[in-house]
PDB file of N, CA and C in Angstrom:
ATOM      1  N   MET A   1    -101.917  98.007  -9.371  1.00  0.00           N
ATOM      2  CA  MET A   1    -100.791  98.628  -8.688  1.00  0.00           C
ATOM      3  C   MET A   1    -100.279  97.766  -7.739  1.00  0.00           C
ATOM      4  N   GLU A   2     -98.940  97.393  -7.860  1.00  0.00           N
ATOM      5  CA  GLU A   2     -98.390  96.441  -6.951  1.00  0.00           C
ATOM      6  C   GLU A   2     -97.467  97.133  -5.974  1.00  0.00           C
ATOM      7  N   PHE A   3     -97.584  96.792  -4.715  1.00  0.00           N
ATOM      8  CA  PHE A   3     -96.691  97.425  -3.705  1.00  0.00           C
ATOM      9  C   PHE A   3     -95.610  96.325  -3.252  1.00  0.00           C
ATOM     10  N   TYR A   4     -94.426  96.791  -2.979  1.00  0.00           N
ATOM     11  CA  TYR A   4     -93.348  95.957  -2.593  1.00  0.00           C
ATOM     12  C   TYR A   4     -92.992  96.289  -1.088  1.00  0.00           C
ATOM     13  N   ASN A   5     -94.130  96.325  -0.221  1.00  0.00           N
ATOM     14  CA  ASN A   5     -93.789  96.644   1.175  1.00  0.00           C
ATOM     15  C   ASN A   5     -94.166  95.388   1.929  1.00  0.00           C
ATOM     16  N   LYS A   6     -94.366  94.194   1.237  1.00  0.00           N
ATOM     17  CA  LYS A   6     -94.559  93.052   2.222  1.00  0.00           C
ATOM     18  C   LYS A   6     -93.271  92.532   2.732  1.00  0.00           C
ATOM     19  N   PRO A   7     -93.243  91.950   3.910  1.00  0.00           N
ATOM     20  CA  PRO A   7     -92.022  91.536   4.562  1.00  0.00           C
ATOM     21  C   PRO A   7     -91.085  90.712   3.839  1.00  0.00           C
ATOM     22  N   GLY A   8     -91.630  89.824   2.908  1.00  0.00           N
ATOM     23  CA  GLY A   8     -90.801  88.936   2.134  1.00  0.00           C
ATOM     24  C   GLY A   8     -90.267  89.470   0.768  1.00  0.00           C
ATOM     25  N   ASP A   9     -90.627  90.632   0.473  1.00  0.00           N
ATOM     26  CA  ASP A   9     -90.422  91.133  -0.864  1.00  0.00           C
ATOM     27  C   ASP A   9     -88.924  91.821  -1.029  1.00  0.00           C
ATOM     28  N   TYR A  10     -88.462  92.243   0.207  1.00  0.00           N
ATOM     29  CA  TYR A  10     -87.116  92.991   0.102  1.00  0.00           C
ATOM     30  C   TYR A  10     -86.079  92.267   0.869  1.00  0.00           C
ATOM     31  N   ASP A  11     -84.921  92.545   0.500  1.00  0.00           N
ATOM     32  CA  ASP A  11     -83.731  92.010   1.183  1.00  0.00           C
ATOM     33  C   ASP A  11     -83.686  92.894   2.461  1.00  0.00           C
ATOM     34  N   ALA A  12     -83.534  92.296   3.616  1.00  0.00           N
ATOM     35  CA  ALA A  12     -83.620  93.009   4.876  1.00  0.00           C
ATOM     36  C   ALA A  12     -82.458  93.979   5.113  1.00  0.00           C
ATOM     37  N   ILE A  13     -81.274  93.690   4.548  1.00  0.00           N
ATOM     38  CA  ILE A  13     -80.203  94.617   4.747  1.00  0.00           C
ATOM     39  C   ILE A  13     -80.107  95.697   3.620  1.00  0.00           C
ATOM     40  N   ASN A  14     -80.227  95.412   2.435  1.00  0.00           N
ATOM     41  CA  ASN A  14     -79.987  96.346   1.329  1.00  0.00           C
ATOM     42  C   ASN A  14     -81.299  96.994   0.659  1.00  0.00           C
ATOM     43  N   TYR A  15     -82.451  96.479   1.122  1.00  0.00           N
ATOM     44  CA  TYR A  15     -83.728  96.941   0.699  1.00  0.00           C
ATOM     45  C   TYR A  15     -83.794  96.924  -0.775  1.00  0.00           C
ATOM     46  N   VAL A  16     -83.398  95.782  -1.354  1.00  0.00           N
ATOM     47  CA  VAL A  16     -83.476  95.532  -2.794  1.00  0.00           C
ATOM     48  C   VAL A  16     -84.435  94.440  -3.039  1.00  0.00           C
ATOM     49  N   PRO A  17     -85.374  94.603  -3.987  1.00  0.00           N
ATOM     50  CA  PRO A  17     -86.283  93.450  -4.226  1.00  0.00           C
ATOM     51  C   PRO A  17     -85.645  92.135  -4.664  1.00  0.00           C
ATOM     52  N   HIS A  18     -86.142  91.123  -4.107  1.00  0.00           N
ATOM     53  CA  HIS A  18     -85.608  89.812  -4.348  1.00  0.00           C
ATOM     54  C   HIS A  18     -85.685  89.380  -5.799  1.00  0.00           C
ATOM     55  N   THR A  19     -84.688  88.912  -6.345  1.00  0.00           N
ATOM     56  CA  THR A  19     -84.710  88.244  -7.742  1.00  0.00           C
ATOM     57  C   THR A  19     -83.976  86.940  -7.647  1.00  0.00           C
ATOM     58  N   GLU A  20     -83.900  86.363  -8.713  1.00  0.00           N
ATOM     59  CA  GLU A  20     -83.206  84.951  -8.726  1.00  0.00           C
ATOM     60  C   GLU A  20     -81.749  85.120  -8.428  1.00  0.00           C
ATOM     61  N   SER A  21     -81.111  84.299  -7.702  1.00  0.00           N
ATOM     62  CA  SER A  21     -79.751  84.384  -7.414  1.00  0.00           C
ATOM     63  C   SER A  21     -78.916  84.188  -8.734  1.00  0.00           C
ATOM     64  N   HIS A  22     -77.879  84.934  -8.814  1.00  0.00           N
ATOM     65  CA  HIS A  22     -76.971  84.839 -10.011  1.00  0.00           C
ATOM     66  C   HIS A  22     -76.284  83.517  -9.929  1.00  0.00           C
ATOM     67  N   GLY A  23     -76.246  82.740 -11.091  1.00  0.00           N
ATOM     68  CA  GLY A  23     -75.503  81.539 -11.187  1.00  0.00           C
ATOM     69  C   GLY A  23     -76.054  80.302 -10.523  1.00  0.00           C
ATOM     70  N   THR A  24     -77.290  80.410  -9.932  1.00  0.00           N
ATOM     71  CA  THR A  24     -77.792  79.251  -9.286  1.00  0.00           C
ATOM     72  C   THR A  24     -78.048  77.972 -10.297  1.00  0.00           C
ATOM     73  N   LYS A  25     -78.563  78.302 -11.452  1.00  0.00           N
ATOM     74  CA  LYS A  25     -78.716  77.283 -12.409  1.00  0.00           C
ATOM     75  C   LYS A  25     -77.379  76.735 -12.811  1.00  0.00           C
ATOM     76  N   GLU A  26     -76.363  77.557 -13.003  1.00  0.00           N
ATOM     77  CA  GLU A  26     -75.123  76.964 -13.400  1.00  0.00           C
ATOM     78  C   GLU A  26     -74.527  76.133 -12.249  1.00  0.00           C
ATOM     79  N   LEU A  27     -74.672  76.403 -10.985  1.00  0.00           N
ATOM     80  CA  LEU A  27     -74.026  75.613  -9.951  1.00  0.00           C
ATOM     81  C   LEU A  27     -74.985  74.293  -9.859  1.00  0.00           C
ATOM     82  N   TRP A  28     -76.162  74.264 -10.044  1.00  0.00           N
ATOM     83  CA  TRP A  28     -76.920  73.019 -10.057  1.00  0.00           C
ATOM     84  C   TRP A  28     -76.427  72.148 -11.239  1.00  0.00           C
ATOM     85  N   ARG A  29     -76.177  72.786 -12.499  1.00  0.00           N
ATOM     86  CA  ARG A  29     -75.771  71.989 -13.560  1.00  0.00           C
ATOM     87  C   ARG A  29     -74.415  71.336 -13.307  1.00  0.00           C
ATOM     88  N   VAL A  30     -73.416  72.152 -12.695  1.00  0.00           N
ATOM     89  CA  VAL A  30     -72.100  71.534 -12.332  1.00  0.00           C
ATOM     90  C   VAL A  30     -72.243  70.529 -11.372  1.00  0.00           C
ATOM     91  N   PHE A  31     -73.200  70.648 -10.360  1.00  0.00           N
ATOM     92  CA  PHE A  31     -73.475  69.627  -9.307  1.00  0.00           C
ATOM     93  C   PHE A  31     -73.916  68.314  -9.970  1.00  0.00           C
ATOM     94  N   LEU A  32     -74.898  68.447 -10.949  1.00  0.00           N
ATOM     95  CA  LEU A  32     -75.424  67.203 -11.531  1.00  0.00           C
ATOM     96  C   LEU A  32     -74.388  66.609 -12.453  1.00  0.00           C
ATOM     97  N   ILE A  33     -73.478  67.412 -13.062  1.00  0.00           N
ATOM     98  CA  ILE A  33     -72.436  66.665 -13.850  1.00  0.00           C
ATOM     99  C   ILE A  33     -71.427  66.000 -12.829  1.00  0.00           C
ATOM    100  N   LEU A  34     -71.051  66.616 -11.818  1.00  0.00           N
ATOM    101  CA  LEU A  34     -70.159  65.957 -10.800  1.00  0.00           C
ATOM    102  C   LEU A  34     -70.790  64.720 -10.262  1.00  0.00           C
ATOM    103  N   LEU A  35     -72.036  64.773 -10.010  1.00  0.00           N
ATOM    104  CA  LEU A  35     -72.805  63.598  -9.408  1.00  0.00           C
ATOM    105  C   LEU A  35     -72.825  62.405 -10.447  1.00  0.00           C
ATOM    106  N   GLY A  36     -73.069  62.734 -11.736  1.00  0.00           N
ATOM    107  CA  GLY A  36     -72.980  61.846 -12.805  1.00  0.00           C
ATOM    108  C   GLY A  36     -71.587  61.181 -12.985  1.00  0.00           C
ATOM    109  N   ILE A  37     -70.565  61.975 -12.868  1.00  0.00           N
ATOM    110  CA  ILE A  37     -69.207  61.426 -13.055  1.00  0.00           C
ATOM    111  C   ILE A  37     -68.905  60.490 -11.837  1.00  0.00           C
ATOM    112  N   THR A  38     -69.370  60.999 -10.561  1.00  0.00           N
ATOM    113  CA  THR A  38     -69.045  60.147  -9.402  1.00  0.00           C
ATOM    114  C   THR A  38     -69.784  58.799  -9.533  1.00  0.00           C
ATOM    115  N   ILE A  39     -71.025  58.815  -9.894  1.00  0.00           N
ATOM    116  CA  ILE A  39     -71.803  57.630 -10.091  1.00  0.00           C
ATOM    117  C   ILE A  39     -71.157  56.617 -11.113  1.00  0.00           C
ATOM    118  N   PHE A  40     -70.600  57.280 -12.139  1.00  0.00           N
ATOM    119  CA  PHE A  40     -69.925  56.422 -13.247  1.00  0.00           C
ATOM    120  C   PHE A  40     -68.641  55.873 -12.614  1.00  0.00           C
ATOM    121  N   ASP A  41     -67.898  56.692 -11.750  1.00  0.00           N
ATOM    122  CA  ASP A  41     -66.680  56.115 -11.085  1.00  0.00           C
ATOM    123  C   ASP A  41     -67.001  54.892 -10.227  1.00  0.00           C
ATOM    124  N   PHE A  42     -68.047  55.011  -9.391  1.00  0.00           N
ATOM    125  CA  PHE A  42     -68.503  53.917  -8.590  1.00  0.00           C
ATOM    126  C   PHE A  42     -68.872  52.689  -9.401  1.00  0.00           C
ATOM    127  N   ALA A  43     -69.491  52.926 -10.526  1.00  0.00           N
ATOM    128  CA  ALA A  43     -69.831  51.666 -11.440  1.00  0.00           C
ATOM    129  C   ALA A  43     -68.628  51.052 -12.011  1.00  0.00           C
ATOM    130  N   ILE A  44     -67.645  51.912 -12.358  1.00  0.00           N
ATOM    131  CA  ILE A  44     -66.408  51.391 -12.891  1.00  0.00           C
ATOM    132  C   ILE A  44     -65.552  50.618 -11.753  1.00  0.00           C
ATOM    133  N   TYR A  45     -65.733  51.181 -10.650  1.00  0.00           N
ATOM    134  CA  TYR A  45     -64.907  50.544  -9.455  1.00  0.00           C
ATOM    135  C   TYR A  45     -65.395  49.130  -9.321  1.00  0.00           C
ATOM    136  N   PHE A  46     -66.672  48.861  -9.254  1.00  0.00           N
ATOM    137  CA  PHE A  46     -67.286  47.536  -9.037  1.00  0.00           C
ATOM    138  C   PHE A  46     -67.277  46.739 -10.237  1.00  0.00           C
ATOM    139  N   ALA A  47     -67.216  47.298 -11.450  1.00  0.00           N
ATOM    140  CA  ALA A  47     -67.358  46.532 -12.671  1.00  0.00           C
ATOM    141  C   ALA A  47     -66.091  45.970 -13.240  1.00  0.00           C
ATOM    142  N   LEU A  48     -65.008  46.731 -13.062  1.00  0.00           N
ATOM    143  CA  LEU A  48     -63.707  46.361 -13.692  1.00  0.00           C
ATOM    144  C   LEU A  48     -62.820  45.799 -12.684  1.00  0.00           C
ATOM    145  N   ASP A  49     -61.907  44.889 -13.132  1.00  0.00           N
ATOM    146  CA  ASP A  49     -60.851  44.281 -12.306  1.00  0.00           C
ATOM    147  C   ASP A  49     -59.843  45.408 -12.020  1.00  0.00           C
ATOM    148  N   PRO A  50     -59.070  45.301 -10.903  1.00  0.00           N
ATOM    149  CA  PRO A  50     -58.070  46.415 -10.617  1.00  0.00           C
ATOM    150  C   PRO A  50     -56.965  46.328 -11.544  1.00  0.00           C
ATOM    151  N   THR A  51     -56.886  47.244 -12.447  1.00  0.00           N
ATOM    152  CA  THR A  51     -55.693  47.206 -13.445  1.00  0.00           C
ATOM    153  C   THR A  51     -55.315  48.543 -13.615  1.00  0.00           C
ATOM    154  N   GLY A  52     -54.309  48.760 -14.452  1.00  0.00           N
ATOM    155  CA  GLY A  52     -53.760  50.108 -14.727  1.00  0.00           C
ATOM    156  C   GLY A  52     -54.826  50.980 -15.477  1.00  0.00           C
ATOM    157  N   TRP A  53     -55.574  50.254 -16.300  1.00  0.00           N
ATOM    158  CA  TRP A  53     -56.537  51.023 -17.143  1.00  0.00           C
ATOM    159  C   TRP A  53     -57.502  51.607 -16.204  1.00  0.00           C
ATOM    160  N   ARG A  54     -58.086  50.872 -15.201  1.00  0.00           N
ATOM    161  CA  ARG A  54     -59.028  51.306 -14.292  1.00  0.00           C
ATOM    162  C   ARG A  54     -58.470  52.553 -13.543  1.00  0.00           C
ATOM    163  N   ASN A  55     -57.244  52.382 -13.124  1.00  0.00           N
ATOM    164  CA  ASN A  55     -56.693  53.588 -12.340  1.00  0.00           C
ATOM    165  C   ASN A  55     -56.550  54.773 -13.338  1.00  0.00           C
ATOM    166  N   ALA A  56     -56.198  54.649 -14.557  1.00  0.00           N
ATOM    167  CA  ALA A  56     -56.067  55.740 -15.464  1.00  0.00           C
ATOM    168  C   ALA A  56     -57.393  56.384 -15.679  1.00  0.00           C
ATOM    169  N   ILE A  57     -58.487  55.544 -15.783  1.00  0.00           N
ATOM    170  CA  ILE A  57     -59.801  56.141 -15.836  1.00  0.00           C
ATOM    171  C   ILE A  57     -60.216  56.991 -14.719  1.00  0.00           C
ATOM    172  N   PHE A  58     -59.813  56.470 -13.478  1.00  0.00           N
ATOM    173  CA  PHE A  58     -60.079  57.228 -12.245  1.00  0.00           C
ATOM    174  C   PHE A  58     -59.327  58.495 -12.266  1.00  0.00           C
ATOM    175  N   ILE A  59     -58.109  58.509 -12.699  1.00  0.00           N
ATOM    176  CA  ILE A  59     -57.323  59.802 -12.690  1.00  0.00           C
ATOM    177  C   ILE A  59     -57.934  60.679 -13.639  1.00  0.00           C
ATOM    178  N   PHE A  60     -58.392  60.206 -14.785  1.00  0.00           N
ATOM    179  CA  PHE A  60     -58.949  61.101 -15.820  1.00  0.00           C
ATOM    180  C   PHE A  60     -60.186  61.739 -15.292  1.00  0.00           C
ATOM    181  N   PHE A  61     -61.015  60.972 -14.827  1.00  0.00           N
ATOM    182  CA  PHE A  61     -62.368  61.470 -14.254  1.00  0.00           C
ATOM    183  C   PHE A  61     -62.066  62.462 -13.078  1.00  0.00           C
ATOM    184  N   GLY A  62     -61.032  62.167 -12.268  1.00  0.00           N
ATOM    185  CA  GLY A  62     -60.716  63.012 -11.190  1.00  0.00           C
ATOM    186  C   GLY A  62     -60.244  64.385 -11.595  1.00  0.00           C
ATOM    187  N   LEU A  63     -59.570  64.370 -12.721  1.00  0.00           N
ATOM    188  CA  LEU A  63     -59.112  65.615 -13.265  1.00  0.00           C
ATOM    189  C   LEU A  63     -60.236  66.382 -13.913  1.00  0.00           C
ATOM    190  N   VAL A  64     -61.240  65.675 -14.470  1.00  0.00           N
ATOM    191  CA  VAL A  64     -62.448  66.379 -15.075  1.00  0.00           C
ATOM    192  C   VAL A  64     -63.177  66.992 -13.902  1.00  0.00           C
ATOM    193  N   LYS A  65     -63.427  66.235 -12.827  1.00  0.00           N
ATOM    194  CA  LYS A  65     -64.119  66.777 -11.712  1.00  0.00           C
ATOM    195  C   LYS A  65     -63.394  67.986 -11.140  1.00  0.00           C
ATOM    196  N   ALA A  66     -62.044  67.971 -11.042  1.00  0.00           N
ATOM    197  CA  ALA A  66     -61.275  69.032 -10.544  1.00  0.00           C
ATOM    198  C   ALA A  66     -61.542  70.304 -11.459  1.00  0.00           C
ATOM    199  N   TYR A  67     -61.544  70.041 -12.761  1.00  0.00           N
ATOM    200  CA  TYR A  67     -61.795  71.217 -13.704  1.00  0.00           C
ATOM    201  C   TYR A  67     -63.097  71.851 -13.415  1.00  0.00           C
ATOM    202  N   PHE A  68     -64.229  71.090 -13.305  1.00  0.00           N
ATOM    203  CA  PHE A  68     -65.492  71.665 -12.966  1.00  0.00           C
ATOM    204  C   PHE A  68     -65.626  72.256 -11.591  1.00  0.00           C
ATOM    205  N   ILE A  69     -64.978  71.725 -10.509  1.00  0.00           N
ATOM    206  CA  ILE A  69     -64.929  72.336  -9.201  1.00  0.00           C
ATOM    207  C   ILE A  69     -64.180  73.677  -9.248  1.00  0.00           C
ATOM    208  N   VAL A  70     -62.960  73.661  -9.834  1.00  0.00           N
ATOM    209  CA  VAL A  70     -62.157  74.959  -9.886  1.00  0.00           C
ATOM    210  C   VAL A  70     -62.910  75.987 -10.802  1.00  0.00           C
ATOM    211  N   GLY A  71     -63.563  75.664 -11.910  1.00  0.00           N
ATOM    212  CA  GLY A  71     -64.108  76.586 -12.760  1.00  0.00           C
ATOM    213  C   GLY A  71     -65.429  77.169 -12.225  1.00  0.00           C
ATOM    214  N   ALA A  72     -66.197  76.269 -11.536  1.00  0.00           N
ATOM    215  CA  ALA A  72     -67.524  76.767 -11.100  1.00  0.00           C
ATOM    216  C   ALA A  72     -67.542  77.384  -9.548  1.00  0.00           C
ATOM    217  N   PHE A  73     -66.914  76.587  -8.692  1.00  0.00           N
ATOM    218  CA  PHE A  73     -67.091  76.994  -7.376  1.00  0.00           C
ATOM    219  C   PHE A  73     -65.858  77.803  -6.845  1.00  0.00           C
ATOM    220  N   MET A  74     -64.769  77.892  -7.604  1.00  0.00           N
ATOM    221  CA  MET A  74     -63.649  78.814  -7.329  1.00  0.00           C
ATOM    222  C   MET A  74     -63.620  80.002  -8.202  1.00  0.00           C
ATOM    223  N   HIS A  75     -64.667  79.954  -9.062  1.00  0.00           N
ATOM    224  CA  HIS A  75     -64.922  81.153 -10.038  1.00  0.00           C
ATOM    225  C   HIS A  75     -63.685  81.473 -10.924  1.00  0.00           C
ATOM    226  N   MET A  76     -62.957  80.367 -11.298  1.00  0.00           N
ATOM    227  CA  MET A  76     -61.766  80.552 -12.199  1.00  0.00           C
ATOM    228  C   MET A  76     -62.303  80.499 -13.676  1.00  0.00           C
ATOM    229  N   LYS A  77     -63.465  80.153 -13.912  1.00  0.00           N
ATOM    230  CA  LYS A  77     -64.012  80.074 -15.309  1.00  0.00           C
ATOM    231  C   LYS A  77     -64.071  81.489 -15.836  1.00  0.00           C
ATOM    232  N   ASN A  78     -64.415  82.460 -15.147  1.00  0.00           N
ATOM    233  CA  ASN A  78     -64.569  83.794 -15.566  1.00  0.00           C
ATOM    234  C   ASN A  78     -63.363  84.721 -15.428  1.00  0.00           C
ATOM    235  N   GLU A  79     -62.243  84.129 -14.994  1.00  0.00           N
ATOM    236  CA  GLU A  79     -60.986  84.919 -14.780  1.00  0.00           C
ATOM    237  C   GLU A  79     -60.280  85.007 -16.112  1.00  0.00           C
ATOM    238  N   ARG A  80     -59.328  85.939 -16.116  1.00  0.00           N
ATOM    239  CA  ARG A  80     -58.485  86.013 -17.233  1.00  0.00           C
ATOM    240  C   ARG A  80     -57.461  84.787 -17.431  1.00  0.00           C
ATOM    241  N   ILE A  81     -56.955  84.518 -18.494  1.00  0.00           N
ATOM    242  CA  ILE A  81     -56.040  83.370 -18.706  1.00  0.00           C
ATOM    243  C   ILE A  81     -54.778  83.477 -17.918  1.00  0.00           C
ATOM    244  N   THR A  82     -54.362  84.632 -17.747  1.00  0.00           N
ATOM    245  CA  THR A  82     -53.006  84.821 -17.075  1.00  0.00           C
ATOM    246  C   THR A  82     -53.172  84.419 -15.556  1.00  0.00           C
ATOM    247  N   LEU A  83     -54.225  84.748 -14.951  1.00  0.00           N
ATOM    248  CA  LEU A  83     -54.448  84.460 -13.507  1.00  0.00           C
ATOM    249  C   LEU A  83     -54.641  82.842 -13.356  1.00  0.00           C
ATOM    250  N   ALA A  84     -55.330  82.273 -14.304  1.00  0.00           N
ATOM    251  CA  ALA A  84     -55.541  80.855 -14.320  1.00  0.00           C
ATOM    252  C   ALA A  84     -54.125  80.185 -14.551  1.00  0.00           C
ATOM    253  N   LEU A  85     -53.310  80.649 -15.390  1.00  0.00           N
ATOM    254  CA  LEU A  85     -51.936  80.084 -15.643  1.00  0.00           C
ATOM    255  C   LEU A  85     -51.074  80.277 -14.431  1.00  0.00           C
ATOM    256  N   VAL A  86     -51.231  81.404 -13.770  1.00  0.00           N
ATOM    257  CA  VAL A  86     -50.343  81.695 -12.599  1.00  0.00           C
ATOM    258  C   VAL A  86     -50.642  80.663 -11.553  1.00  0.00           C
ATOM    259  N   ILE A  87     -51.880  80.135 -11.438  1.00  0.00           N
ATOM    260  CA  ILE A  87     -52.299  79.155 -10.534  1.00  0.00           C
ATOM    261  C   ILE A  87     -51.961  77.761 -10.840  1.00  0.00           C
ATOM    262  N   LEU A  88     -52.265  77.491 -12.159  1.00  0.00           N
ATOM    263  CA  LEU A  88     -52.136  76.031 -12.760  1.00  0.00           C
ATOM    264  C   LEU A  88     -50.749  75.706 -13.172  1.00  0.00           C
ATOM    265  N   VAL A  89     -49.858  76.551 -13.643  1.00  0.00           N
ATOM    266  CA  VAL A  89     -48.627  76.097 -14.022  1.00  0.00           C
ATOM    267  C   VAL A  89     -47.716  75.662 -12.878  1.00  0.00           C
ATOM    268  N   PRO A  90     -47.618  76.458 -11.699  1.00  0.00           N
ATOM    269  CA  PRO A  90     -46.760  75.810 -10.753  1.00  0.00           C
ATOM    270  C   PRO A  90     -47.232  74.461 -10.208  1.00  0.00           C
ATOM    271  N   ILE A  91     -48.523  74.274 -10.241  1.00  0.00           N
ATOM    272  CA  ILE A  91     -49.008  72.998  -9.785  1.00  0.00           C
ATOM    273  C   ILE A  91     -48.460  71.851 -10.611  1.00  0.00           C
ATOM    274  N   VAL A  92     -48.564  72.118 -12.025  1.00  0.00           N
ATOM    275  CA  VAL A  92     -47.979  71.165 -12.991  1.00  0.00           C
ATOM    276  C   VAL A  92     -46.573  70.962 -12.746  1.00  0.00           C
ATOM    277  N   PHE A  93     -45.741  72.026 -12.496  1.00  0.00           N
ATOM    278  CA  PHE A  93     -44.393  71.899 -12.249  1.00  0.00           C
ATOM    279  C   PHE A  93     -44.051  71.074 -10.899  1.00  0.00           C
ATOM    280  N   ILE A  94     -44.918  71.347  -9.949  1.00  0.00           N
ATOM    281  CA  ILE A  94     -44.705  70.558  -8.616  1.00  0.00           C
ATOM    282  C   ILE A  94     -44.981  69.134  -8.787  1.00  0.00           C
ATOM    283  N   ILE A  95     -46.055  68.792  -9.551  1.00  0.00           N
ATOM    284  CA  ILE A  95     -46.353  67.367  -9.891  1.00  0.00           C
ATOM    285  C   ILE A  95     -45.298  66.723 -10.700  1.00  0.00           C
ATOM    286  N   GLY A  96     -44.661  67.483 -11.660  1.00  0.00           N
ATOM    287  CA  GLY A  96     -43.519  67.003 -12.391  1.00  0.00           C
ATOM    288  C   GLY A  96     -42.358  66.670 -11.544  1.00  0.00           C
ATOM    289  N   LEU A  97     -42.052  67.683 -10.603  1.00  0.00           N
ATOM    290  CA  LEU A  97     -40.894  67.532  -9.695  1.00  0.00           C
ATOM    291  C   LEU A  97     -41.052  66.285  -8.846  1.00  0.00           C
ATOM    292  N   ILE A  98     -42.318  66.136  -8.310  1.00  0.00           N
ATOM    293  CA  ILE A  98     -42.509  64.871  -7.467  1.00  0.00           C
ATOM    294  C   ILE A  98     -42.292  63.638  -8.289  1.00  0.00           C
ATOM    295  N   LEU A  99     -42.869  63.566  -9.472  1.00  0.00           N
ATOM    296  CA  LEU A  99     -42.725  62.282 -10.330  1.00  0.00           C
ATOM    297  C   LEU A  99     -41.221  62.129 -10.639  1.00  0.00           C
ATOM    298  N   GLY A 100     -40.489  63.226 -10.855  1.00  0.00           N
ATOM    299  CA  GLY A 100     -39.143  63.107 -11.340  1.00  0.00           C
ATOM    300  C   GLY A 100     -38.272  62.610 -10.185  1.00  0.00           C
ATOM    301  N   LEU A 101     -38.595  63.239  -8.940  1.00  0.00           N
ATOM    302  CA  LEU A 101     -37.850  62.716  -7.719  1.00  0.00           C
ATOM    303  C   LEU A 101     -38.158  61.215  -7.414  1.00  0.00           C
ATOM    304  N   LEU A 102     -39.315  60.827  -7.595  1.00  0.00           N
ATOM    305  CA  LEU A 102     -39.765  59.425  -7.353  1.00  0.00           C
ATOM    306  C   LEU A 102     -39.009  58.586  -8.349  1.00  0.00           C
ATOM    307  N   TYR A 103     -38.907  58.948  -9.650  1.00  0.00           N
ATOM    308  CA  TYR A 103     -38.264  58.151 -10.728  1.00  0.00           C
ATOM    309  C   TYR A 103     -36.702  58.081 -10.347  1.00  0.00           C
ATOM    310  N   GLU A 104     -36.212  59.135 -10.042  1.00  0.00           N
ATOM    311  CA  GLU A 104     -34.777  59.203  -9.923  1.00  0.00           C
ATOM    312  C   GLU A 104     -34.350  58.417  -8.692  1.00  0.00           C
ATOM    313  N   GLY A 105     -35.237  58.430  -7.723  1.00  0.00           N
ATOM    314  CA  GLY A 105     -34.967  57.706  -6.432  1.00  0.00           C
ATOM    315  C   GLY A 105     -35.372  56.177  -6.513  1.00  0.00           C
ATOM    316  N   HIS A 106     -35.773  55.881  -7.750  1.00  0.00           N
ATOM    317  CA  HIS A 106     -36.214  54.552  -7.941  1.00  0.00           C
ATOM    318  C   HIS A 106     -37.326  54.039  -6.977  1.00  0.00           C
ATOM    319  N   ALA A 107     -38.144  54.902  -6.591  1.00  0.00           N
ATOM    320  CA  ALA A 107     -39.295  54.516  -5.704  1.00  0.00           C
ATOM    321  C   ALA A 107     -40.403  53.949  -6.677  1.00  0.00           C
ATOM    322  N   LEU A 108     -40.405  54.292  -7.869  1.00  0.00           N
ATOM    323  CA  LEU A 108     -41.558  53.896  -8.803  1.00  0.00           C
ATOM    324  C   LEU A 108     -41.234  52.504  -9.300  1.00  0.00           C
ATOM    325  N   THR A 109     -39.977  52.162  -9.295  1.00  0.00           N
ATOM    326  CA  THR A 109     -39.626  50.745  -9.932  1.00  0.00           C
ATOM    327  C   THR A 109     -39.301  49.715  -8.820  1.00  0.00           C
ATOM    328  N   MET A 110     -39.244  50.051  -7.582  1.00  0.00           N
ATOM    329  CA  MET A 110     -38.876  49.116  -6.563  1.00  0.00           C
ATOM    330  C   MET A 110     -40.110  48.252  -6.179  1.00  0.00           C
ATOM    331  N   THR A 111     -39.899  46.981  -6.045  1.00  0.00           N
ATOM    332  CA  THR A 111     -40.842  45.950  -5.666  1.00  0.00           C
ATOM    333  C   THR A 111     -40.436  45.331  -4.476  1.00  0.00           C
ATOM    334  N   LYS A 112     -41.343  44.845  -3.636  1.00  0.00           N
ATOM    335  CA  LYS A 112     -40.953  44.178  -2.369  1.00  0.00           C
ATOM    336  C   LYS A 112     -40.812  42.657  -2.681  1.00  0.00           C
TER     337      LYS A 112
END
């Protein structure tokens, strides 16, 4: 017969027996993926010469890391697609607007 009246067996506020936290393994998995991508970014930074390809690789891995951060830590992975689109589509339009304004203002093609 096992009793659950030891001080560490219950949550002090809700009086619920302790169990494993929900999603802890998933968060550690995402953390390790982000750590691996970041280490790979540092390796590319020191291994490749500064070119457009290196910048494209950084942007790609930055977007991959943003996907994992938004999905895991902001809990967007479990939301409905409409909520995710309501958040993501305006961001895409704003980025497109900024790039269009820079292009039309010749800021992207000007050199000193």
